[in-house]
Amino acid sequence: MQTNKPNIIIDKTLEFALLIIEFTELLILQKKFVIAHQLLKSGTSIGANVREAQNAESKIDFNHKMKIAAKEADETEYWLHLCHNSKNYPNCDVLRLLIIDINKILSKIIATSKS
């Protein structure tokens, strides 16, 4: 049964994915194709895995999907760190703050679901 109750991690990862799309479009305009491609894949995959976890077949399946989301979030944080520290890349400070927040929430969800 679906409820209309807000789900913070779903909302945050959707918002983040939309911002990642905008940022990667900017990178593509600047011909930074490799980083744009990596960021687009990992940054949008977080929310996709979180959404998949909502329909998990078991607690183990839920944990597995959330761990995949956490791995994608960690990879995304790495690519954003590279962008932040590379010359001639657009500002990604908002994205960096959001991914840190998402990583914290995912870690908490994973830790809580184990107990």
PDB file of N, CA and C in Angstrom:
ATOM      1  N   MET A   1       0.841  -1.184   0.000  1.00  0.00           N
ATOM      2  CA  MET A   1       0.000   0.000   0.000  1.00  0.00           C
ATOM      3  C   MET A   1       0.887   1.248   0.000  1.00  0.00           C
ATOM      4  N   GLN A   2       0.623   2.127  -0.916  1.00  0.00           N
ATOM      5  CA  GLN A   2       1.389   3.368  -1.008  1.00  0.00           C
ATOM      6  C   GLN A   2       0.753   4.427  -0.117  1.00  0.00           C
ATOM      7  N   THR A   3       1.580   5.220   0.526  1.00  0.00           N
ATOM      8  CA  THR A   3       1.085   6.325   1.336  1.00  0.00           C
ATOM      9  C   THR A   3       1.612   7.621   0.750  1.00  0.00           C
ATOM     10  N   ASN A   4       0.994   8.706   1.170  1.00  0.00           N
ATOM     11  CA  ASN A   4       1.447  10.021   0.719  1.00  0.00           C
ATOM     12  C   ASN A   4       2.443  10.628   1.702  1.00  0.00           C
ATOM     13  N   LYS A   5       2.890   9.819   2.637  1.00  0.00           N
ATOM     14  CA  LYS A   5       3.841  10.268   3.639  1.00  0.00           C
ATOM     15  C   LYS A   5       5.166  10.621   2.959  1.00  0.00           C
ATOM     16  N   PRO A   6       5.732  11.785   3.263  1.00  0.00           N
ATOM     17  CA  PRO A   6       7.003  12.163   2.629  1.00  0.00           C
ATOM     18  C   PRO A   6       8.132  11.198   2.991  1.00  0.00           C
ATOM     19  N   ASN A   7       8.980  10.952   2.037  1.00  0.00           N
ATOM     20  CA  ASN A   7      10.145  10.093   2.250  1.00  0.00           C
ATOM     21  C   ASN A   7      11.369  10.954   1.943  1.00  0.00           C
ATOM     22  N   ILE A   8      12.075  11.357   2.976  1.00  0.00           N
ATOM     23  CA  ILE A   8      13.164  12.323   2.847  1.00  0.00           C
ATOM     24  C   ILE A   8      14.228  11.863   1.858  1.00  0.00           C
ATOM     25  N   ILE A   9      14.649  10.606   1.924  1.00  0.00           N
ATOM     26  CA  ILE A   9      15.734  10.158   1.049  1.00  0.00           C
ATOM     27  C   ILE A   9      15.284  10.107  -0.406  1.00  0.00           C
ATOM     28  N   ILE A  10      14.044   9.740  -0.653  1.00  0.00           N
ATOM     29  CA  ILE A  10      13.536   9.754  -2.027  1.00  0.00           C
ATOM     30  C   ILE A  10      13.487  11.188  -2.543  1.00  0.00           C
ATOM     31  N   ASP A  11      12.970  12.087  -1.726  1.00  0.00           N
ATOM     32  CA  ASP A  11      12.860  13.494  -2.138  1.00  0.00           C
ATOM     33  C   ASP A  11      14.238  14.111  -2.391  1.00  0.00           C
ATOM     34  N   LYS A  12      15.176  13.859  -1.471  1.00  0.00           N
ATOM     35  CA  LYS A  12      16.515  14.449  -1.614  1.00  0.00           C
ATOM     36  C   LYS A  12      17.272  13.886  -2.817  1.00  0.00           C
ATOM     37  N   THR A  13      17.139  12.583  -3.057  1.00  0.00           N
ATOM     38  CA  THR A  13      17.866  11.999  -4.186  1.00  0.00           C
ATOM     39  C   THR A  13      17.253  12.412  -5.520  1.00  0.00           C
ATOM     40  N   LEU A  14      15.947  12.636  -5.558  1.00  0.00           N
ATOM     41  CA  LEU A  14      15.315  13.139  -6.781  1.00  0.00           C
ATOM     42  C   LEU A  14      15.779  14.567  -7.062  1.00  0.00           C
ATOM     43  N   GLU A  15      15.736  15.417  -6.042  1.00  0.00           N
ATOM     44  CA  GLU A  15      16.206  16.804  -6.186  1.00  0.00           C
ATOM     45  C   GLU A  15      17.669  16.811  -6.636  1.00  0.00           C
ATOM     46  N   PHE A  16      18.472  15.949  -6.021  1.00  0.00           N
ATOM     47  CA  PHE A  16      19.885  15.881  -6.351  1.00  0.00           C
ATOM     48  C   PHE A  16      20.086  15.450  -7.801  1.00  0.00           C
ATOM     49  N   ALA A  17      19.348  14.430  -8.245  1.00  0.00           N
ATOM     50  CA  ALA A  17      19.475  13.944  -9.622  1.00  0.00           C
ATOM     51  C   ALA A  17      19.145  15.052 -10.623  1.00  0.00           C
ATOM     52  N   LEU A  18      18.120  15.825 -10.346  1.00  0.00           N
ATOM     53  CA  LEU A  18      17.763  16.921 -11.252  1.00  0.00           C
ATOM     54  C   LEU A  18      18.868  17.979 -11.314  1.00  0.00           C
ATOM     55  N   LEU A  19      19.478  18.267 -10.171  1.00  0.00           N
ATOM     56  CA  LEU A  19      20.595  19.221 -10.144  1.00  0.00           C
ATOM     57  C   LEU A  19      21.827  18.652 -10.850  1.00  0.00           C
ATOM     58  N   ILE A  20      22.049  17.362 -10.717  1.00  0.00           N
ATOM     59  CA  ILE A  20      23.167  16.701 -11.405  1.00  0.00           C
ATOM     60  C   ILE A  20      22.972  16.789 -12.915  1.00  0.00           C
ATOM     61  N   ILE A  21      21.752  16.594 -13.373  1.00  0.00           N
ATOM     62  CA  ILE A  21      21.476  16.709 -14.806  1.00  0.00           C
ATOM     63  C   ILE A  21      21.836  18.113 -15.294  1.00  0.00           C
ATOM     64  N   GLU A  22      21.407  19.137 -14.562  1.00  0.00           N
ATOM     65  CA  GLU A  22      21.735  20.520 -14.940  1.00  0.00           C
ATOM     66  C   GLU A  22      23.242  20.751 -14.955  1.00  0.00           C
ATOM     67  N   PHE A  23      23.924  20.258 -13.925  1.00  0.00           N
ATOM     68  CA  PHE A  23      25.364  20.467 -13.815  1.00  0.00           C
ATOM     69  C   PHE A  23      26.105  19.748 -14.942  1.00  0.00           C
ATOM     70  N   THR A  24      25.698  18.525 -15.246  1.00  0.00           N
ATOM     71  CA  THR A  24      26.389  17.783 -16.302  1.00  0.00           C
ATOM     72  C   THR A  24      26.115  18.394 -17.678  1.00  0.00           C
ATOM     73  N   GLU A  25      24.941  18.974 -17.864  1.00  0.00           N
ATOM     74  CA  GLU A  25      24.678  19.683 -19.122  1.00  0.00           C
ATOM     75  C   GLU A  25      25.635  20.863 -19.267  1.00  0.00           C
ATOM     76  N   LEU A  26      25.908  21.535 -18.162  1.00  0.00           N
ATOM     77  CA  LEU A  26      26.877  22.639 -18.171  1.00  0.00           C
ATOM     78  C   LEU A  26      28.277  22.116 -18.482  1.00  0.00           C
ATOM     79  N   LEU A  27      28.641  20.989 -17.902  1.00  0.00           N
ATOM     80  CA  LEU A  27      29.950  20.393 -18.187  1.00  0.00           C
ATOM     81  C   LEU A  27      30.066  20.003 -19.664  1.00  0.00           C
ATOM     82  N   ILE A  28      29.001  19.472 -20.223  1.00  0.00           N
ATOM     83  CA  ILE A  28      29.011  19.088 -21.635  1.00  0.00           C
ATOM     84  C   ILE A  28      29.214  20.319 -22.520  1.00  0.00           C
ATOM     85  N   LEU A  29      28.561  21.407 -22.178  1.00  0.00           N
ATOM     86  CA  LEU A  29      28.756  22.651 -22.940  1.00  0.00           C
ATOM     87  C   LEU A  29      30.210  23.108 -22.893  1.00  0.00           C
ATOM     88  N   GLN A  30      30.887  22.797 -21.791  1.00  0.00           N
ATOM     89  CA  GLN A  30      32.299  23.158 -21.635  1.00  0.00           C
ATOM     90  C   GLN A  30      33.233  22.050 -22.126  1.00  0.00           C
ATOM     91  N   LYS A  31      32.661  21.054 -22.789  1.00  0.00           N
ATOM     92  CA  LYS A  31      33.411  19.935 -23.387  1.00  0.00           C
ATOM     93  C   LYS A  31      34.173  19.095 -22.359  1.00  0.00           C
ATOM     94  N   LYS A  32      33.602  18.974 -21.187  1.00  0.00           N
ATOM     95  CA  LYS A  32      34.175  18.134 -20.132  1.00  0.00           C
ATOM     96  C   LYS A  32      33.357  16.840 -20.077  1.00  0.00           C
ATOM     97  N   PHE A  33      33.450  16.090 -21.174  1.00  0.00           N
ATOM     98  CA  PHE A  33      32.564  14.957 -21.413  1.00  0.00           C
ATOM     99  C   PHE A  33      32.772  13.783 -20.457  1.00  0.00           C
ATOM    100  N   VAL A  34      34.007  13.454 -20.153  1.00  0.00           N
ATOM    101  CA  VAL A  34      34.276  12.270 -19.333  1.00  0.00           C
ATOM    102  C   VAL A  34      33.693  12.437 -17.930  1.00  0.00           C
ATOM    103  N   ILE A  35      34.006  13.541 -17.288  1.00  0.00           N
ATOM    104  CA  ILE A  35      33.490  13.799 -15.936  1.00  0.00           C
ATOM    105  C   ILE A  35      31.975  13.934 -15.981  1.00  0.00           C
ATOM    106  N   ALA A  36      31.445  14.605 -16.989  1.00  0.00           N
ATOM    107  CA  ALA A  36      29.996  14.768 -17.115  1.00  0.00           C
ATOM    108  C   ALA A  36      29.311  13.408 -17.179  1.00  0.00           C
ATOM    109  N   HIS A  37      29.856  12.520 -17.978  1.00  0.00           N
ATOM    110  CA  HIS A  37      29.263  11.190 -18.138  1.00  0.00           C
ATOM    111  C   HIS A  37      29.303  10.405 -16.818  1.00  0.00           C
ATOM    112  N   GLN A  38      30.445  10.429 -16.151  1.00  0.00           N
ATOM    113  CA  GLN A  38      30.587   9.711 -14.880  1.00  0.00           C
ATOM    114  C   GLN A  38      29.629  10.256 -13.823  1.00  0.00           C
ATOM    115  N   LEU A  39      29.555  11.582 -13.734  1.00  0.00           N
ATOM    116  CA  LEU A  39      28.673  12.214 -12.754  1.00  0.00           C
ATOM    117  C   LEU A  39      27.210  11.934 -13.049  1.00  0.00           C
ATOM    118  N   LEU A  40      26.836  11.981 -14.314  1.00  0.00           N
ATOM    119  CA  LEU A  40      25.447  11.736 -14.679  1.00  0.00           C
ATOM    120  C   LEU A  40      25.041  10.319 -14.293  1.00  0.00           C
ATOM    121  N   LYS A  41      25.920   9.356 -14.561  1.00  0.00           N
ATOM    122  CA  LYS A  41      25.612   7.952 -14.240  1.00  0.00           C
ATOM    123  C   LYS A  41      25.495   7.733 -12.733  1.00  0.00           C
ATOM    124  N   SER A  42      26.522   8.134 -12.005  1.00  0.00           N
ATOM    125  CA  SER A  42      26.513   7.855 -10.559  1.00  0.00           C
ATOM    126  C   SER A  42      25.511   8.737  -9.817  1.00  0.00           C
ATOM    127  N   GLY A  43      25.405   9.992 -10.218  1.00  0.00           N
ATOM    128  CA  GLY A  43      24.534  10.932  -9.507  1.00  0.00           C
ATOM    129  C   GLY A  43      23.053  10.648  -9.651  1.00  0.00           C
ATOM    130  N   THR A  44      22.657  10.076 -10.786  1.00  0.00           N
ATOM    131  CA  THR A  44      21.245   9.740 -10.966  1.00  0.00           C
ATOM    132  C   THR A  44      20.941   8.320 -10.477  1.00  0.00           C
ATOM    133  N   SER A  45      21.960   7.496 -10.393  1.00  0.00           N
ATOM    134  CA  SER A  45      21.784   6.115  -9.944  1.00  0.00           C
ATOM    135  C   SER A  45      21.423   6.033  -8.457  1.00  0.00           C
ATOM    136  N   ILE A  46      21.832   7.013  -7.694  1.00  0.00           N
ATOM    137  CA  ILE A  46      21.549   7.004  -6.250  1.00  0.00           C
ATOM    138  C   ILE A  46      20.046   6.894  -6.020  1.00  0.00           C
ATOM    139  N   GLY A  47      19.313   7.823  -6.603  1.00  0.00           N
ATOM    140  CA  GLY A  47      17.862   7.844  -6.432  1.00  0.00           C
ATOM    141  C   GLY A  47      17.184   6.626  -7.018  1.00  0.00           C
ATOM    142  N   ALA A  48      17.704   6.129  -8.150  1.00  0.00           N
ATOM    143  CA  ALA A  48      17.119   4.935  -8.769  1.00  0.00           C
ATOM    144  C   ALA A  48      17.222   3.737  -7.823  1.00  0.00           C
ATOM    145  N   ASN A  49      18.359   3.595  -7.167  1.00  0.00           N
ATOM    146  CA  ASN A  49      18.531   2.481  -6.226  1.00  0.00           C
ATOM    147  C   ASN A  49      17.704   2.664  -4.961  1.00  0.00           C
ATOM    148  N   VAL A  50      17.579   3.895  -4.505  1.00  0.00           N
ATOM    149  CA  VAL A  50      16.726   4.165  -3.341  1.00  0.00           C
ATOM    150  C   VAL A  50      15.278   3.817  -3.678  1.00  0.00           C
ATOM    151  N   ARG A  51      14.838   4.185  -4.880  1.00  0.00           N
ATOM    152  CA  ARG A  51      13.469   3.858  -5.309  1.00  0.00           C
ATOM    153  C   ARG A  51      13.281   2.345  -5.399  1.00  0.00           C
ATOM    154  N   GLU A  52      14.274   1.652  -5.951  1.00  0.00           N
ATOM    155  CA  GLU A  52      14.186   0.183  -6.028  1.00  0.00           C
ATOM    156  C   GLU A  52      14.068  -0.419  -4.631  1.00  0.00           C
ATOM    157  N   ALA A  53      14.781   0.132  -3.673  1.00  0.00           N
ATOM    158  CA  ALA A  53      14.752  -0.394  -2.306  1.00  0.00           C
ATOM    159  C   ALA A  53      13.354  -0.301  -1.694  1.00  0.00           C
ATOM    160  N   GLN A  54      12.554   0.651  -2.151  1.00  0.00           N
ATOM    161  CA  GLN A  54      11.210   0.814  -1.603  1.00  0.00           C
ATOM    162  C   GLN A  54      10.325  -0.389  -1.934  1.00  0.00           C
ATOM    163  N   ASN A  55      10.689  -1.127  -2.966  1.00  0.00           N
ATOM    164  CA  ASN A  55       9.924  -2.314  -3.368  1.00  0.00           C
ATOM    165  C   ASN A  55      10.725  -3.595  -3.150  1.00  0.00           C
ATOM    166  N   ALA A  56      11.617  -3.552  -2.182  1.00  0.00           N
ATOM    167  CA  ALA A  56      12.462  -4.717  -1.899  1.00  0.00           C
ATOM    168  C   ALA A  56      11.622  -5.914  -1.494  1.00  0.00           C
ATOM    169  N   GLU A  57      12.133  -7.086  -1.829  1.00  0.00           N
ATOM    170  CA  GLU A  57      11.425  -8.326  -1.522  1.00  0.00           C
ATOM    171  C   GLU A  57      11.670  -8.801  -0.092  1.00  0.00           C
ATOM    172  N   SER A  58      12.719  -8.274   0.528  1.00  0.00           N
ATOM    173  CA  SER A  58      13.048  -8.656   1.897  1.00  0.00           C
ATOM    174  C   SER A  58      13.909  -7.564   2.520  1.00  0.00           C
ATOM    175  N   LYS A  59      14.143  -7.706   3.821  1.00  0.00           N
ATOM    176  CA  LYS A  59      15.011  -6.763   4.520  1.00  0.00           C
ATOM    177  C   LYS A  59      16.440  -6.840   3.959  1.00  0.00           C
ATOM    178  N   ILE A  60      16.884  -8.039   3.620  1.00  0.00           N
ATOM    179  CA  ILE A  60      18.222  -8.225   3.035  1.00  0.00           C
ATOM    180  C   ILE A  60      18.302  -7.523   1.685  1.00  0.00           C
ATOM    181  N   ASP A  61      17.254  -7.675   0.878  1.00  0.00           N
ATOM    182  CA  ASP A  61      17.196  -7.021  -0.429  1.00  0.00           C
ATOM    183  C   ASP A  61      17.202  -5.502  -0.264  1.00  0.00           C
ATOM    184  N   PHE A  62      16.434  -5.001   0.704  1.00  0.00           N
ATOM    185  CA  PHE A  62      16.398  -3.562   0.997  1.00  0.00           C
ATOM    186  C   PHE A  62      17.801  -3.056   1.342  1.00  0.00           C
ATOM    187  N   ASN A  63      18.468  -3.751   2.268  1.00  0.00           N
ATOM    188  CA  ASN A  63      19.814  -3.349   2.682  1.00  0.00           C
ATOM    189  C   ASN A  63      20.779  -3.358   1.501  1.00  0.00           C
ATOM    190  N   HIS A  64      20.686  -4.378   0.676  1.00  0.00           N
ATOM    191  CA  HIS A  64      21.558  -4.484  -0.494  1.00  0.00           C
ATOM    192  C   HIS A  64      21.376  -3.293  -1.440  1.00  0.00           C
ATOM    193  N   LYS A  65      20.136  -2.951  -1.737  1.00  0.00           N
ATOM    194  CA  LYS A  65      19.862  -1.835  -2.650  1.00  0.00           C
ATOM    195  C   LYS A  65      20.301  -0.499  -2.044  1.00  0.00           C
ATOM    196  N   MET A  66      20.108  -0.339  -0.749  1.00  0.00           N
ATOM    197  CA  MET A  66      20.540   0.903  -0.096  1.00  0.00           C
ATOM    198  C   MET A  66      22.068   0.998  -0.069  1.00  0.00           C
ATOM    199  N   LYS A  67      22.741  -0.144   0.080  1.00  0.00           N
ATOM    200  CA  LYS A  67      24.209  -0.139   0.037  1.00  0.00           C
ATOM    201  C   LYS A  67      24.704   0.226  -1.358  1.00  0.00           C
ATOM    202  N   ILE A  68      24.017  -0.231  -2.383  1.00  0.00           N
ATOM    203  CA  ILE A  68      24.386   0.168  -3.750  1.00  0.00           C
ATOM    204  C   ILE A  68      24.196   1.668  -3.910  1.00  0.00           C
ATOM    205  N   ALA A  69      23.091   2.209  -3.399  1.00  0.00           N
ATOM    206  CA  ALA A  69      22.857   3.652  -3.450  1.00  0.00           C
ATOM    207  C   ALA A  69      23.981   4.396  -2.729  1.00  0.00           C
ATOM    208  N   ALA A  70      24.412   3.874  -1.586  1.00  0.00           N
ATOM    209  CA  ALA A  70      25.494   4.511  -0.827  1.00  0.00           C
ATOM    210  C   ALA A  70      26.811   4.479  -1.606  1.00  0.00           C
ATOM    211  N   LYS A  71      27.075   3.379  -2.309  1.00  0.00           N
ATOM    212  CA  LYS A  71      28.294   3.300  -3.133  1.00  0.00           C
ATOM    213  C   LYS A  71      28.247   4.315  -4.266  1.00  0.00           C
ATOM    214  N   GLU A  72      27.093   4.445  -4.885  1.00  0.00           N
ATOM    215  CA  GLU A  72      26.938   5.428  -5.965  1.00  0.00           C
ATOM    216  C   GLU A  72      27.096   6.848  -5.425  1.00  0.00           C
ATOM    217  N   ALA A  73      26.576   7.096  -4.234  1.00  0.00           N
ATOM    218  CA  ALA A  73      26.710   8.413  -3.616  1.00  0.00           C
ATOM    219  C   ALA A  73      28.171   8.724  -3.299  1.00  0.00           C
ATOM    220  N   ASP A  74      28.887   7.711  -2.829  1.00  0.00           N
ATOM    221  CA  ASP A  74      30.310   7.899  -2.534  1.00  0.00           C
ATOM    222  C   ASP A  74      31.092   8.196  -3.814  1.00  0.00           C
ATOM    223  N   GLU A  75      30.767   7.468  -4.883  1.00  0.00           N
ATOM    224  CA  GLU A  75      31.432   7.730  -6.163  1.00  0.00           C
ATOM    225  C   GLU A  75      31.113   9.139  -6.656  1.00  0.00           C
ATOM    226  N   THR A  76      29.871   9.546  -6.531  1.00  0.00           N
ATOM    227  CA  THR A  76      29.461  10.888  -6.952  1.00  0.00           C
ATOM    228  C   THR A  76      30.208  11.951  -6.167  1.00  0.00           C
ATOM    229  N   GLU A  77      30.355  11.713  -4.868  1.00  0.00           N
ATOM    230  CA  GLU A  77      31.097  12.662  -4.031  1.00  0.00           C
ATOM    231  C   GLU A  77      32.545  12.790  -4.530  1.00  0.00           C
ATOM    232  N   TYR A  78      33.124  11.682  -4.967  1.00  0.00           N
ATOM    233  CA  TYR A  78      34.482  11.704  -5.521  1.00  0.00           C
ATOM    234  C   TYR A  78      34.549  12.575  -6.780  1.00  0.00           C
ATOM    235  N   TRP A  79      33.631  12.357  -7.720  1.00  0.00           N
ATOM    236  CA  TRP A  79      33.641  13.145  -8.965  1.00  0.00           C
ATOM    237  C   TRP A  79      33.442  14.628  -8.672  1.00  0.00           C
ATOM    238  N   LEU A  80      32.566  14.937  -7.719  1.00  0.00           N
ATOM    239  CA  LEU A  80      32.355  16.341  -7.354  1.00  0.00           C
ATOM    240  C   LEU A  80      33.592  16.930  -6.688  1.00  0.00           C
ATOM    241  N   HIS A  81      34.286  16.113  -5.918  1.00  0.00           N
ATOM    242  CA  HIS A  81      35.544  16.556  -5.304  1.00  0.00           C
ATOM    243  C   HIS A  81      36.565  16.903  -6.397  1.00  0.00           C
ATOM    244  N   LEU A  82      36.635  16.065  -7.425  1.00  0.00           N
ATOM    245  CA  LEU A  82      37.528  16.363  -8.553  1.00  0.00           C
ATOM    246  C   LEU A  82      37.144  17.678  -9.233  1.00  0.00           C
ATOM    247  N   CYS A  83      35.858  17.863  -9.466  1.00  0.00           N
ATOM    248  CA  CYS A  83      35.386  19.099 -10.108  1.00  0.00           C
ATOM    249  C   CYS A  83      35.754  20.313  -9.264  1.00  0.00           C
ATOM    250  N   HIS A  84      35.523  20.180  -7.959  1.00  0.00           N
ATOM    251  CA  HIS A  84      35.806  21.284  -7.045  1.00  0.00           C
ATOM    252  C   HIS A  84      37.287  21.666  -7.063  1.00  0.00           C
ATOM    253  N   ASN A  85      38.154  20.678  -7.190  1.00  0.00           N
ATOM    254  CA  ASN A  85      39.588  20.921  -7.103  1.00  0.00           C
ATOM    255  C   ASN A  85      40.288  21.061  -8.451  1.00  0.00           C
ATOM    256  N   SER A  86      39.525  21.010  -9.539  1.00  0.00           N
ATOM    257  CA  SER A  86      40.110  21.155 -10.871  1.00  0.00           C
ATOM    258  C   SER A  86      39.922  22.582 -11.376  1.00  0.00           C
ATOM    259  N   LYS A  87      40.898  23.036 -12.133  1.00  0.00           N
ATOM    260  CA  LYS A  87      40.804  24.367 -12.718  1.00  0.00           C
ATOM    261  C   LYS A  87      39.730  24.375 -13.806  1.00  0.00           C
ATOM    262  N   ASN A  88      39.103  25.498 -13.963  1.00  0.00           N
ATOM    263  CA  ASN A  88      38.146  25.735 -15.046  1.00  0.00           C
ATOM    264  C   ASN A  88      36.894  24.875 -14.987  1.00  0.00           C
ATOM    265  N   TYR A  89      36.506  24.436 -13.819  1.00  0.00           N
ATOM    266  CA  TYR A  89      35.244  23.717 -13.671  1.00  0.00           C
ATOM    267  C   TYR A  89      34.249  24.626 -12.957  1.00  0.00           C
ATOM    268  N   PRO A  90      32.977  24.512 -13.300  1.00  0.00           N
ATOM    269  CA  PRO A  90      31.977  25.369 -12.645  1.00  0.00           C
ATOM    270  C   PRO A  90      31.822  25.011 -11.164  1.00  0.00           C
ATOM    271  N   ASN A  91      31.300  25.942 -10.430  1.00  0.00           N
ATOM    272  CA  ASN A  91      31.098  25.777  -8.997  1.00  0.00           C
ATOM    273  C   ASN A  91      30.105  24.645  -8.728  1.00  0.00           C
ATOM    274  N   CYS A  92      30.495  23.752  -7.839  1.00  0.00           N
ATOM    275  CA  CYS A  92      29.619  22.618  -7.487  1.00  0.00           C
ATOM    276  C   CYS A  92      29.411  22.526  -5.978  1.00  0.00           C
ATOM    277  N   ASP A  93      29.586  23.639  -5.272  1.00  0.00           N
ATOM    278  CA  ASP A  93      29.488  23.629  -3.808  1.00  0.00           C
ATOM    279  C   ASP A  93      28.127  23.152  -3.301  1.00  0.00           C
ATOM    280  N   VAL A  94      27.049  23.561  -3.961  1.00  0.00           N
ATOM    281  CA  VAL A  94      25.712  23.142  -3.533  1.00  0.00           C
ATOM    282  C   VAL A  94      25.577  21.631  -3.666  1.00  0.00           C
ATOM    283  N   LEU A  95      26.047  21.099  -4.786  1.00  0.00           N
ATOM    284  CA  LEU A  95      25.995  19.650  -4.996  1.00  0.00           C
ATOM    285  C   LEU A  95      26.834  18.914  -3.964  1.00  0.00           C
ATOM    286  N   ARG A  96      27.985  19.461  -3.621  1.00  0.00           N
ATOM    287  CA  ARG A  96      28.855  18.814  -2.633  1.00  0.00           C
ATOM    288  C   ARG A  96      28.183  18.767  -1.264  1.00  0.00           C
ATOM    289  N   LEU A  97      27.508  19.839  -0.887  1.00  0.00           N
ATOM    290  CA  LEU A  97      26.791  19.843   0.392  1.00  0.00           C
ATOM    291  C   LEU A  97      25.633  18.848   0.378  1.00  0.00           C
ATOM    292  N   LEU A  98      24.911  18.790  -0.727  1.00  0.00           N
ATOM    293  CA  LEU A  98      23.787  17.864  -0.834  1.00  0.00           C
ATOM    294  C   LEU A  98      24.243  16.406  -0.772  1.00  0.00           C
ATOM    295  N   ILE A  99      25.340  16.079  -1.443  1.00  0.00           N
ATOM    296  CA  ILE A  99      25.777  14.681  -1.456  1.00  0.00           C
ATOM    297  C   ILE A  99      26.298  14.257  -0.081  1.00  0.00           C
ATOM    298  N   ILE A 100      26.891  15.169   0.641  1.00  0.00           N
ATOM    299  CA  ILE A 100      27.319  14.864   2.018  1.00  0.00           C
ATOM    300  C   ILE A 100      26.098  14.540   2.874  1.00  0.00           C
ATOM    301  N   ASP A 101      25.052  15.337   2.720  1.00  0.00           N
ATOM    302  CA  ASP A 101      23.807  15.120   3.459  1.00  0.00           C
ATOM    303  C   ASP A 101      23.174  13.777   3.067  1.00  0.00           C
ATOM    304  N   ILE A 102      23.142  13.494   1.774  1.00  0.00           N
ATOM    305  CA  ILE A 102      22.579  12.225   1.293  1.00  0.00           C
ATOM    306  C   ILE A 102      23.385  11.047   1.835  1.00  0.00           C
ATOM    307  N   ASN A 103      24.701  11.156   1.831  1.00  0.00           N
ATOM    308  CA  ASN A 103      25.548  10.081   2.377  1.00  0.00           C
ATOM    309  C   ASN A 103      25.249   9.828   3.850  1.00  0.00           C
ATOM    310  N   LYS A 104      25.054  10.888   4.615  1.00  0.00           N
ATOM    311  CA  LYS A 104      24.739  10.735   6.038  1.00  0.00           C
ATOM    312  C   LYS A 104      23.401  10.024   6.234  1.00  0.00           C
ATOM    313  N   ILE A 105      22.410  10.419   5.446  1.00  0.00           N
ATOM    314  CA  ILE A 105      21.090   9.804   5.569  1.00  0.00           C
ATOM    315  C   ILE A 105      21.153   8.327   5.177  1.00  0.00           C
ATOM    316  N   LEU A 106      21.837   8.031   4.079  1.00  0.00           N
ATOM    317  CA  LEU A 106      21.962   6.633   3.651  1.00  0.00           C
ATOM    318  C   LEU A 106      22.675   5.792   4.701  1.00  0.00           C
ATOM    319  N   SER A 107      23.733   6.330   5.284  1.00  0.00           N
ATOM    320  CA  SER A 107      24.460   5.603   6.338  1.00  0.00           C
ATOM    321  C   SER A 107      23.551   5.306   7.523  1.00  0.00           C
ATOM    322  N   LYS A 108      22.743   6.285   7.887  1.00  0.00           N
ATOM    323  CA  LYS A 108      21.817   6.117   9.017  1.00  0.00           C
ATOM    324  C   LYS A 108      20.759   5.068   8.689  1.00  0.00           C
ATOM    325  N   ILE A 109      20.219   5.104   7.476  1.00  0.00           N
ATOM    326  CA  ILE A 109      19.208   4.126   7.065  1.00  0.00           C
ATOM    327  C   ILE A 109      19.802   2.718   7.097  1.00  0.00           C
ATOM    328  N   ILE A 110      20.994   2.567   6.561  1.00  0.00           N
ATOM    329  CA  ILE A 110      21.641   1.252   6.518  1.00  0.00           C
ATOM    330  C   ILE A 110      21.925   0.739   7.933  1.00  0.00           C
ATOM    331  N   ALA A 111      22.453   1.616   8.777  1.00  0.00           N
ATOM    332  CA  ALA A 111      22.747   1.217  10.174  1.00  0.00           C
ATOM    333  C   ALA A 111      21.471   0.841  10.918  1.00  0.00           C
ATOM    334  N   THR A 112      20.416   1.612  10.725  1.00  0.00           N
ATOM    335  CA  THR A 112      19.150   1.358  11.415  1.00  0.00           C
ATOM    336  C   THR A 112      18.495   0.075  10.915  1.00  0.00           C
ATOM    337  N   SER A 113      18.575  -0.173   9.627  1.00  0.00           N
ATOM    338  CA  SER A 113      17.912  -1.360   9.075  1.00  0.00           C
ATOM    339  C   SER A 113      18.629  -2.654   9.456  1.00  0.00           C
ATOM    340  N   LYS A 114      19.886  -2.553   9.842  1.00  0.00           N
ATOM    341  CA  LYS A 114      20.633  -3.746  10.287  1.00  0.00           C
ATOM    342  C   LYS A 114      20.196  -4.190  11.673  1.00  0.00           C
ATOM    343  N   SER A 115      19.732  -3.238  12.489  1.00  0.00           N
ATOM    344  CA  SER A 115      19.381  -3.572  13.886  1.00  0.00           C
ATOM    345  C   SER A 115      17.943  -4.000  14.028  1.00  0.00           C
TER     346      SER A 115
END
